């Protein structure tokens, strides 16, 4: 097994959903990230990871982001784990596409896998292996939709102005008041 498949934590829970993202393909498709990339590729990667981390928090998907490093001389590849995110840099001679194909092949069949890329050949290949596909544009739309839902949910919470005092019983309030007064 090559670097990209070692140690990637895909869950074993039935019904779990995993989103595999072709990192540079997405960076080169989203206007915001293209602009950032022209200033700093690192900033564009960080912004993509930030957006995907927030998306992961809203959806509960496990997100695996794969970046090409196949042109890096003597590149051994690397993997970083963050809560809900796995970030993979391929090794020298390995493309993100081949890593993604391997990941899709290795994942258990009872896990729903979606691959985000606008590479049509890659989309066809992973669909042939049973994965779903999202174009870069569709992924951006889903991220924006999740952001809007999260924002709406927060605003509804603020409008309610519900406090713990409003939801606990009188008995619990009395007990807490006694504790507060040291009685």
Protein backbone atom coordinates (compact mmCIF):
# COMPACT_ATOMS: atom_id res chain seq x y z
CA UNK A 1 0.00 0.00 0.00
CA UNK A 2 1.37 3.42 -0.85
CA UNK A 3 1.48 6.47 1.37
CA UNK A 4 -1.91 7.84 0.53
CA UNK A 5 -3.73 4.83 1.91
CA UNK A 6 -1.70 4.24 5.07
CA UNK A 7 -3.35 5.26 8.29
CA UNK A 8 -6.38 6.99 6.82
CA UNK A 9 -9.14 6.61 9.38
CA UNK A 10 -12.35 5.76 7.66
CA UNK A 11 -15.05 4.79 10.05
CA UNK A 12 -16.71 1.48 10.43
CA UNK A 13 -20.14 2.81 11.25
CA UNK A 14 -22.89 1.68 8.92
CA UNK A 15 -24.28 4.66 7.08
CA UNK A 16 -21.20 6.79 7.63
CA UNK A 17 -20.50 9.25 4.85
CA UNK A 18 -17.07 10.16 3.57
CA UNK A 19 -16.27 13.05 1.27
CA UNK A 20 -12.97 12.74 -0.61
CA UNK A 21 -11.83 16.05 -2.10
CA UNK A 22 -9.30 16.52 -4.92
CA UNK A 23 -7.70 19.55 -3.27
CA UNK A 24 -5.91 21.28 -6.13
CA UNK A 25 -8.74 20.54 -8.55
CA UNK A 26 -11.12 22.42 -6.24
CA UNK A 27 -8.62 25.26 -5.65
CA UNK A 28 -8.32 25.72 -9.42
CA UNK A 29 -12.10 25.79 -9.87
CA UNK A 30 -13.33 28.24 -7.22
CA UNK A 31 -12.81 31.95 -7.99
CA UNK A 32 -12.06 32.85 -4.35
CA UNK A 33 -9.38 30.16 -4.14
CA UNK A 34 -7.89 30.96 -7.55
CA UNK A 35 -7.40 34.54 -6.40
CA UNK A 36 -5.79 33.37 -3.15
CA UNK A 37 -3.63 30.83 -5.01
CA UNK A 38 -2.24 33.61 -7.21
CA UNK A 39 -1.03 35.31 -4.02
CA UNK A 40 -0.08 32.20 -2.03
CA UNK A 41 -0.81 28.54 -2.67
CA UNK A 42 -0.52 27.88 1.06
CA UNK A 43 -3.23 30.46 1.82
CA UNK A 44 -5.51 28.89 -0.79
CA UNK A 45 -4.98 25.43 0.75
CA UNK A 46 -5.63 26.81 4.24
CA UNK A 47 -8.84 28.52 3.10
CA UNK A 48 -10.07 25.34 1.42
CA UNK A 49 -9.34 23.34 4.58
CA UNK A 50 -11.13 25.96 6.69
CA UNK A 51 -14.23 25.79 4.47
CA UNK A 52 -14.19 21.99 4.50
CA UNK A 53 -13.71 21.87 8.27
CA UNK A 54 -16.79 24.04 8.77
CA UNK A 55 -18.71 21.91 6.26
CA UNK A 56 -17.65 18.79 8.12
CA UNK A 57 -18.92 20.27 11.37
CA UNK A 58 -22.33 20.96 9.82
CA UNK A 59 -22.75 17.67 7.99
CA UNK A 60 -20.88 15.16 10.11
CA UNK A 61 -19.14 13.73 7.03
CA UNK A 62 -15.59 12.50 7.41
CA UNK A 63 -13.64 14.65 4.94
CA UNK A 64 -10.46 13.42 3.26
CA UNK A 65 -8.58 16.06 1.24
CA UNK A 66 -5.92 14.84 -1.19
CA UNK A 67 -3.25 17.17 -2.60
CA UNK A 68 -0.83 16.26 -5.39
CA UNK A 69 2.80 16.27 -4.39
CA UNK A 70 3.89 13.85 -7.12
CA UNK A 71 6.32 16.37 -8.65
CA UNK A 72 8.11 16.99 -5.34
CA UNK A 73 11.51 15.34 -5.66
CA UNK A 74 12.06 12.64 -3.06
CA UNK A 75 8.64 13.47 -1.64
CA UNK A 76 7.61 10.73 0.74
CA UNK A 77 4.06 11.96 1.09
CA UNK A 78 2.42 12.93 4.33
CA UNK A 79 -0.84 12.74 6.20
CA UNK A 80 -2.28 15.03 8.84
CA UNK A 81 -5.35 14.34 10.93
CA UNK A 82 -7.60 17.02 12.32
CA UNK A 83 -11.01 16.42 13.92
CA UNK A 84 -13.19 15.18 11.06
CA UNK A 85 -10.51 15.94 8.44
CA UNK A 86 -7.75 13.83 6.94
CA UNK A 87 -5.26 15.75 4.80
CA UNK A 88 -3.05 13.76 2.45
CA UNK A 89 -0.12 14.92 0.32
CA UNK A 90 0.78 12.21 -2.17
CA UNK A 91 4.31 10.96 -2.56
CA UNK A 92 6.64 11.54 -5.49
CA UNK A 93 5.27 9.88 -8.60
CA UNK A 94 1.74 9.50 -7.26
CA UNK A 95 -1.08 11.76 -8.39
CA UNK A 96 -4.07 12.79 -6.32
CA UNK A 97 -6.23 10.90 -8.83
CA UNK A 98 -4.45 7.59 -8.22
CA UNK A 99 -4.57 8.13 -4.45
CA UNK A 100 -8.30 8.89 -4.58
CA UNK A 101 -8.93 5.80 -6.71
CA UNK A 102 -7.05 3.69 -4.18
CA UNK A 103 -8.96 5.18 -1.25
CA UNK A 104 -12.31 4.52 -2.93
CA UNK A 105 -11.26 0.94 -3.67
CA UNK A 106 -10.12 0.32 -0.08
CA UNK A 107 -13.14 1.74 1.70
CA UNK A 108 -15.79 -0.64 2.97
CA UNK A 109 -18.85 -0.88 0.72
CA UNK A 110 -21.31 -0.04 3.52
CA UNK A 111 -19.85 3.46 3.76
CA UNK A 112 -21.24 6.12 1.43
CA UNK A 113 -18.36 7.72 -0.45
CA UNK A 114 -18.57 10.94 -2.44
CA UNK A 115 -15.63 12.29 -4.45
CA UNK A 116 -15.45 16.03 -5.16
CA UNK A 117 -13.60 16.84 -8.37
CA UNK A 118 -14.37 18.48 -11.69
CA UNK A 119 -12.10 16.03 -13.51
CA UNK A 120 -14.60 14.16 -15.70
CA UNK A 121 -12.38 11.10 -16.18
CA UNK A 122 -11.88 10.85 -12.42
CA UNK A 123 -15.62 11.22 -11.82
CA UNK A 124 -16.40 8.38 -14.21
CA UNK A 125 -13.77 6.14 -12.69
CA UNK A 126 -14.90 6.57 -9.07
CA UNK A 127 -18.56 6.21 -10.04
CA UNK A 128 -17.59 2.90 -11.65
CA UNK A 129 -16.24 1.85 -8.24
CA UNK A 130 -19.51 2.71 -6.51
CA UNK A 131 -18.73 6.21 -5.25
CA UNK A 132 -20.88 9.27 -5.82
CA UNK A 133 -19.42 12.39 -7.37
CA UNK A 134 -19.68 16.13 -6.86
CA UNK A 135 -18.29 18.73 -9.22
CA UNK A 136 -16.35 21.64 -7.74
CA UNK A 137 -19.36 23.88 -8.35
CA UNK A 138 -21.75 21.46 -6.64
CA UNK A 139 -19.43 21.20 -3.63
CA UNK A 140 -19.27 24.98 -3.34
CA UNK A 141 -23.08 25.14 -3.49
CA UNK A 142 -23.37 22.55 -0.71
CA UNK A 143 -20.85 24.40 1.44
CA UNK A 144 -22.73 27.69 0.98
CA UNK A 145 -26.03 25.95 1.75
CA UNK A 146 -24.56 24.48 4.97
CA UNK A 147 -23.21 27.92 5.94
CA UNK A 148 -26.64 29.50 5.37
CA UNK A 149 -28.39 26.81 7.41
CA UNK A 150 -25.90 27.22 10.23
CA UNK A 151 -26.31 31.01 10.17
CA UNK A 152 -30.12 30.70 10.19
CA UNK A 153 -29.99 28.27 13.08
CA UNK A 154 -27.79 30.63 15.09
CA UNK A 155 -30.09 33.57 14.36
CA UNK A 156 -33.15 31.57 15.46
CA UNK A 157 -31.34 30.73 18.69
CA UNK A 158 -30.57 34.40 19.31
CA UNK A 159 -34.17 35.44 18.66
CA UNK A 160 -35.44 33.00 21.26
CA UNK A 161 -33.07 34.37 23.91
CA UNK A 162 -33.70 31.19 25.86
CA UNK A 163 -31.55 30.80 28.95
CA UNK A 164 -31.05 27.84 31.24
CA UNK A 165 -33.22 29.65 33.77
CA UNK A 166 -36.12 29.37 31.31
CA UNK A 167 -35.88 25.61 30.84
CA UNK A 168 -35.07 24.09 34.24
CA UNK A 169 -37.67 23.17 36.82
CA UNK A 170 -38.36 25.15 39.99
CA UNK A 171 -36.90 22.32 42.12
CA UNK A 172 -33.61 22.43 40.25
CA UNK A 173 -33.54 26.22 40.47
CA UNK A 174 -34.02 26.02 44.24
CA UNK A 175 -31.25 23.42 44.59
CA UNK A 176 -28.84 25.48 42.50
CA UNK A 177 -29.66 28.59 44.53
CA UNK A 178 -28.90 26.70 47.77
CA UNK A 179 -25.54 25.56 46.36
CA UNK A 180 -24.76 29.08 45.24
CA UNK A 181 -25.44 30.41 48.72
CA UNK A 182 -23.43 27.58 50.29
CA UNK A 183 -26.36 26.09 52.21
